[in-house]
Amino acid sequence: MTRTTLVLRYGAFAVLATLANLGVQRIVLAIGEGAAVFTLAMLAGTAAGLVLKYILDKRYIFNDATTGLRAGGQQFLLYTVMGLVTTAVFWATETAFWLIWQTDAMRELGAVIGLTVGYVVKYKLDSKYVFTRREAVA
């Protein structure tokens, strides 16, 4: 895979995961208001984006052939752990934008900025620590 293809594919997958994340957040936020609903929305959205991105990255970015419940579970756990730091960046940015402007549009802009920074860092971490048994990728 060429570097350009890798960047475009990874970017497209990040957009899909971001849309899944924000879509789930909107669904949860539609049930009410307040800090508890906001927190639940962020957690549910993050989970949706995480699972989708893992599936896409494993197969189409890192060409990872790891199989089996135990190995796959360990790999997903490591993928999730690598995402903790990047998720903190995303959550902090989204929350800051909400606290400053208190509009859904600015909250979502903060989420997009935080997710973008997070995904760049996450690729570096995943390629070094998570998907170590893979075919060569540019």
C-alpha atoms as a PDB file:
ATOM      1  CA  MET A   1       0.000   0.000   0.000  1.00  0.00           C
ATOM      2  CA  THR A   2       1.398   3.411  -0.875  1.00  0.00           C
ATOM      3  CA  ARG A   3       1.732   6.103   1.759  1.00  0.00           C
ATOM      4  CA  THR A   4      -0.930   8.179  -0.013  1.00  0.00           C
ATOM      5  CA  THR A   5      -3.370   5.271  -0.009  1.00  0.00           C
ATOM      6  CA  LEU A   6      -2.605   4.637   3.649  1.00  0.00           C
ATOM      7  CA  VAL A   7      -3.218   8.264   4.637  1.00  0.00           C
ATOM      8  CA  LEU A   8      -6.432   8.514   2.595  1.00  0.00           C
ATOM      9  CA  ARG A   9      -7.766   5.211   3.890  1.00  0.00           C
ATOM     10  CA  TYR A  10      -6.857   5.962   7.503  1.00  0.00           C
ATOM     11  CA  GLY A  11      -8.410   9.414   7.165  1.00  0.00           C
ATOM     12  CA  ALA A  12     -11.609   7.986   5.699  1.00  0.00           C
ATOM     13  CA  PHE A  13     -11.844   5.453   8.529  1.00  0.00           C
ATOM     14  CA  ALA A  14     -11.275   8.219  11.079  1.00  0.00           C
ATOM     15  CA  VAL A  15     -14.122  10.188   9.496  1.00  0.00           C
ATOM     16  CA  LEU A  16     -16.415   7.133   9.632  1.00  0.00           C
ATOM     17  CA  ALA A  17     -15.540   6.495  13.281  1.00  0.00           C
ATOM     18  CA  THR A  18     -16.045  10.181  14.078  1.00  0.00           C
ATOM     19  CA  LEU A  19     -19.474  10.141  12.429  1.00  0.00           C
ATOM     20  CA  ALA A  20     -20.400   7.002  14.365  1.00  0.00           C
ATOM     21  CA  ASN A  21     -19.166   8.625  17.566  1.00  0.00           C
ATOM     22  CA  LEU A  22     -21.063  11.876  17.060  1.00  0.00           C
ATOM     23  CA  GLY A  23     -24.170  10.074  15.793  1.00  0.00           C
ATOM     24  CA  VAL A  24     -24.368   7.941  18.925  1.00  0.00           C
ATOM     25  CA  GLN A  25     -23.724  11.034  21.045  1.00  0.00           C
ATOM     26  CA  ARG A  26     -26.659  12.834  19.407  1.00  0.00           C
ATOM     27  CA  ILE A  27     -28.937   9.874  20.053  1.00  0.00           C
ATOM     28  CA  VAL A  28     -27.975   9.783  23.735  1.00  0.00           C
ATOM     29  CA  LEU A  29     -28.171  13.576  24.115  1.00  0.00           C
ATOM     30  CA  ALA A  30     -31.707  13.454  22.735  1.00  0.00           C
ATOM     31  CA  ILE A  31     -32.871  11.653  25.884  1.00  0.00           C
ATOM     32  CA  GLY A  32     -32.142  14.555  28.191  1.00  0.00           C
ATOM     33  CA  GLU A  33     -29.784  17.175  29.520  1.00  0.00           C
ATOM     34  CA  GLY A  34     -27.254  17.508  32.290  1.00  0.00           C
ATOM     35  CA  ALA A  35     -23.816  16.255  33.197  1.00  0.00           C
ATOM     36  CA  ALA A  36     -24.855  12.606  33.507  1.00  0.00           C
ATOM     37  CA  VAL A  37     -26.411  12.500  30.031  1.00  0.00           C
ATOM     38  CA  PHE A  38     -23.424  14.371  28.583  1.00  0.00           C
ATOM     39  CA  THR A  39     -21.026  11.860  30.165  1.00  0.00           C
ATOM     40  CA  LEU A  40     -23.109   8.912  28.966  1.00  0.00           C
ATOM     41  CA  ALA A  41     -23.164  10.394  25.452  1.00  0.00           C
ATOM     42  CA  MET A  42     -19.385  10.757  25.395  1.00  0.00           C
ATOM     43  CA  LEU A  43     -18.862   7.195  26.669  1.00  0.00           C
ATOM     44  CA  ALA A  44     -21.366   5.610  24.257  1.00  0.00           C
ATOM     45  CA  GLY A  45     -20.047   7.593  21.296  1.00  0.00           C
ATOM     46  CA  THR A  46     -16.471   6.706  22.123  1.00  0.00           C
ATOM     47  CA  ALA A  47     -17.341   3.006  22.350  1.00  0.00           C
ATOM     48  CA  ALA A  48     -19.099   3.060  18.979  1.00  0.00           C
ATOM     49  CA  GLY A  49     -16.207   4.835  17.270  1.00  0.00           C
ATOM     50  CA  LEU A  50     -13.625   2.594  18.955  1.00  0.00           C
ATOM     51  CA  VAL A  51     -15.155  -0.689  17.826  1.00  0.00           C
ATOM     52  CA  LEU A  52     -15.706   0.500  14.253  1.00  0.00           C
ATOM     53  CA  LYS A  53     -12.188   1.937  13.974  1.00  0.00           C
ATOM     54  CA  TYR A  54     -10.601  -1.221  15.416  1.00  0.00           C
ATOM     55  CA  ILE A  55     -12.323  -3.443  12.856  1.00  0.00           C
ATOM     56  CA  LEU A  56     -11.358  -1.178   9.948  1.00  0.00           C
ATOM     57  CA  ASP A  57      -7.770  -0.586  11.120  1.00  0.00           C
ATOM     58  CA  LYS A  58      -7.100  -4.255  11.828  1.00  0.00           C
ATOM     59  CA  ARG A  59      -8.181  -5.389   8.383  1.00  0.00           C
ATOM     60  CA  TYR A  60      -7.563  -2.492   6.005  1.00  0.00           C
ATOM     61  CA  ILE A  61      -4.716  -0.481   7.538  1.00  0.00           C
ATOM     62  CA  PHE A  62      -2.497  -2.974   9.315  1.00  0.00           C
ATOM     63  CA  ASN A  63      -3.490  -6.137   7.394  1.00  0.00           C
ATOM     64  CA  ASP A  64      -3.457  -7.946  10.722  1.00  0.00           C
ATOM     65  CA  ALA A  65      -4.227 -11.659  10.558  1.00  0.00           C
ATOM     66  CA  THR A  66      -4.426 -12.293  14.298  1.00  0.00           C
ATOM     67  CA  THR A  67      -7.291 -14.698  15.021  1.00  0.00           C
ATOM     68  CA  GLY A  68      -8.746 -16.434  18.013  1.00  0.00           C
ATOM     69  CA  LEU A  69     -10.750 -15.124  20.921  1.00  0.00           C
ATOM     70  CA  ARG A  70      -7.814 -14.882  23.308  1.00  0.00           C
ATOM     71  CA  ALA A  71      -5.374 -13.236  20.898  1.00  0.00           C
ATOM     72  CA  GLY A  72      -8.057 -10.977  19.457  1.00  0.00           C
ATOM     73  CA  GLY A  73      -9.247 -10.004  22.921  1.00  0.00           C
ATOM     74  CA  GLN A  74      -5.731  -9.169  24.047  1.00  0.00           C
ATOM     75  CA  GLN A  75      -5.167  -7.165  20.898  1.00  0.00           C
ATOM     76  CA  PHE A  76      -8.442  -5.236  21.311  1.00  0.00           C
ATOM     77  CA  LEU A  77      -7.556  -4.551  24.947  1.00  0.00           C
ATOM     78  CA  LEU A  78      -4.152  -3.196  23.908  1.00  0.00           C
ATOM     79  CA  TYR A  79      -5.818  -1.152  21.140  1.00  0.00           C
ATOM     80  CA  THR A  80      -8.181   0.275  23.745  1.00  0.00           C
ATOM     81  CA  VAL A  81      -5.357   1.061  26.181  1.00  0.00           C
ATOM     82  CA  MET A  82      -3.457   2.898  23.441  1.00  0.00           C
ATOM     83  CA  GLY A  83      -6.627   4.871  22.865  1.00  0.00           C
ATOM     84  CA  LEU A  84      -6.925   6.046  26.479  1.00  0.00           C
ATOM     85  CA  VAL A  85      -4.466   8.902  26.035  1.00  0.00           C
ATOM     86  CA  THR A  86      -5.915   9.890  22.683  1.00  0.00           C
ATOM     87  CA  THR A  87      -9.437   9.678  24.097  1.00  0.00           C
ATOM     88  CA  ALA A  88      -8.416  12.013  26.911  1.00  0.00           C
ATOM     89  CA  VAL A  89      -7.292  14.540  24.290  1.00  0.00           C
ATOM     90  CA  PHE A  90     -10.615  14.161  22.467  1.00  0.00           C
ATOM     91  CA  TRP A  91     -12.754  14.427  25.614  1.00  0.00           C
ATOM     92  CA  ALA A  92     -10.820  17.400  26.968  1.00  0.00           C
ATOM     93  CA  THR A  93     -11.118  19.290  23.695  1.00  0.00           C
ATOM     94  CA  GLU A  94     -14.823  18.529  23.272  1.00  0.00           C
ATOM     95  CA  THR A  95     -15.563  19.450  26.891  1.00  0.00           C
ATOM     96  CA  ALA A  96     -13.548  22.677  26.702  1.00  0.00           C
ATOM     97  CA  PHE A  97     -15.429  23.768  23.573  1.00  0.00           C
ATOM     98  CA  TRP A  98     -18.750  22.969  25.289  1.00  0.00           C
ATOM     99  CA  LEU A  99     -17.827  24.835  28.477  1.00  0.00           C
ATOM    100  CA  ILE A 100     -16.584  27.885  26.584  1.00  0.00           C
ATOM    101  CA  TRP A 101     -19.323  28.242  23.950  1.00  0.00           C
ATOM    102  CA  GLN A 102     -22.142  25.977  25.230  1.00  0.00           C
ATOM    103  CA  THR A 103     -23.484  25.202  21.772  1.00  0.00           C
ATOM    104  CA  ASP A 104     -23.797  21.844  20.057  1.00  0.00           C
ATOM    105  CA  ALA A 105     -22.006  23.144  16.976  1.00  0.00           C
ATOM    106  CA  MET A 106     -18.947  24.211  18.963  1.00  0.00           C
ATOM    107  CA  ARG A 107     -19.039  21.013  21.062  1.00  0.00           C
ATOM    108  CA  GLU A 108     -18.922  18.994  17.848  1.00  0.00           C
ATOM    109  CA  LEU A 109     -16.152  21.189  16.407  1.00  0.00           C
ATOM    110  CA  GLY A 110     -14.145  20.529  19.572  1.00  0.00           C
ATOM    111  CA  ALA A 111     -14.845  16.823  19.185  1.00  0.00           C
ATOM    112  CA  VAL A 112     -13.637  16.829  15.579  1.00  0.00           C
ATOM    113  CA  ILE A 113     -10.452  18.709  16.475  1.00  0.00           C
ATOM    114  CA  GLY A 114      -9.770  16.416  19.436  1.00  0.00           C
ATOM    115  CA  LEU A 115     -10.466  13.281  17.428  1.00  0.00           C
ATOM    116  CA  THR A 116      -8.206  14.429  14.589  1.00  0.00           C
ATOM    117  CA  VAL A 117      -5.251  15.025  16.899  1.00  0.00           C
ATOM    118  CA  GLY A 118      -6.012  11.786  18.720  1.00  0.00           C
ATOM    119  CA  TYR A 119      -6.149   9.671  15.568  1.00  0.00           C
ATOM    120  CA  VAL A 120      -2.746  10.885  14.374  1.00  0.00           C
ATOM    121  CA  VAL A 121      -1.177   9.949  17.707  1.00  0.00           C
ATOM    122  CA  LYS A 122      -3.157   6.670  17.816  1.00  0.00           C
ATOM    123  CA  TYR A 123      -1.809   5.523  14.446  1.00  0.00           C
ATOM    124  CA  LYS A 124       1.735   5.914  15.743  1.00  0.00           C
ATOM    125  CA  LEU A 125       0.972   3.993  18.942  1.00  0.00           C
ATOM    126  CA  ASP A 126      -0.973   1.229  17.175  1.00  0.00           C
ATOM    127  CA  SER A 127       1.685   0.650  14.547  1.00  0.00           C
ATOM    128  CA  LYS A 128       4.360   0.337  17.225  1.00  0.00           C
ATOM    129  CA  TYR A 129       2.565  -1.571  19.991  1.00  0.00           C
ATOM    130  CA  VAL A 130      -0.717  -3.170  18.832  1.00  0.00           C
ATOM    131  CA  PHE A 131      -0.479  -4.473  15.294  1.00  0.00           C
ATOM    132  CA  THR A 132       2.984  -5.959  15.427  1.00  0.00           C
ATOM    133  CA  ARG A 133       2.165  -9.163  13.496  1.00  0.00           C
ATOM    134  CA  ARG A 134       1.153  -7.867  10.089  1.00  0.00           C
ATOM    135  CA  GLU A 135       2.129  -7.712   6.468  1.00  0.00           C
ATOM    136  CA  ALA A 136       4.346  -4.792   5.510  1.00  0.00           C
ATOM    137  CA  VAL A 137       2.479  -1.511   5.098  1.00  0.00           C
ATOM    138  CA  ALA A 138       4.173   1.521   3.594  1.00  0.00           C
END
